[in-house]
């Protein structure tokens, strides 16, 4: 529904702007330009979608190896002591615990296909403890918010889009996305913890929170101490090193546990190919709408208006082209992806705007979609304070994304 509203809205606003420019004589050729944009954008969308095939096939194949080799299980066991503090009162050994841990672990490793089924199962298990069916419990709200924050270690889809668009090093956004999504996750937890009055002085909880904050501060301090010319290289080298380490970890686990890694890889690779093909209609539809919106002149007015609002923040002016991605991200993941690709095309995939848009895209999940999907799955009509806390987490993630983009790419 949201994507339908966005899609129609882009065309309608583009039509209004185009008509105004044509009838006022500001641009007599605006309609031919809009028509040409439909063909150019459709071609770009198809080319990028085809470019995604190889990268998604490779990475979903490798992630399937990691999943079958037990990587998710290892992460799940590491997270289980933390979850007992984050969800106080949840009965020990309750089925929801395992499903939530699997969901978080899958998100962390970039296994979107595994994350959603586990998340839906977790919501249904939590609903069995709900004394007021139709009204979200504290545990359900915390789970939805943390899932929407989407702490991500391997932003596979974003790296795939950057690779398809011709980025010099698709992994150079690795560290900025990790830190930005960590800011989003911390914002989600702390805001809800305050509402739910969760005891934050627990030693285990303090250790995890302190470790997360130390990681962020340490990375930022380390990067800030580097000469400007070395910052981008540090992110690229660190990102590619961790990616290769993950591949070797998955393959080593598979060898130790005698998993048929080749069979797992080909199974996951088939899913990657199918995923890339399935998104072609969605990519074409949203990119054509954005292309027409840009050709009508409406995007230029939008960017100018946004710059007037954010110029005081210290954001470089060339980055304002990425702000539409930030605005649309909580509403529509597909729409935000389309704006990210359009930003890369308009400003350059390795431009500051192109990179900032990628980091914004990876800093959080689509809040309204997550809330609608998970609450709808168990028939929740009253989500209480879930939405404001989730939007606050989005703001934390976006602030982190902008700060990291400025630190790493300017």
Foldseek 3Di string as FASTA:
>chain_A
DLVVCVLVVLQVVLVVLLVVCCVVVVDVCLVVQLVVLLVVLLVLLVLLLVLLLVLLLQVLLLVLLLVVLCVLVVQLVVCLVVVCQLDPPDDPPQPLSSLLSSLLSCLQAVNVVRNVVSLLVSLVSVQVVDPDFQEDDLVNLLSLLLSQLRQYQPNRVLLSSLVSQPHPFSQLCRVLLNLLSLLLNVLLSVVSCVVVVRDCPPPVNCVVVVVSVCVNVVVLVVLLPDPLVCLSVVSRVVRVVVVVVSSVVSVVSCVVVVNPSVVSSNVSSVVSNVVSVVCSVLSSSLSSSVSSSVSSVVLVVVLVVQCVVCVVVVQPSLQSQLVVLLVCFLRDLSNSVSSLSVQCVVPNCLDLNNSLSSSLSSSGHRSVVSCCVNCVSRNHNHHDCSVVSSVSSSVSSNVSSRVVSVSRPD
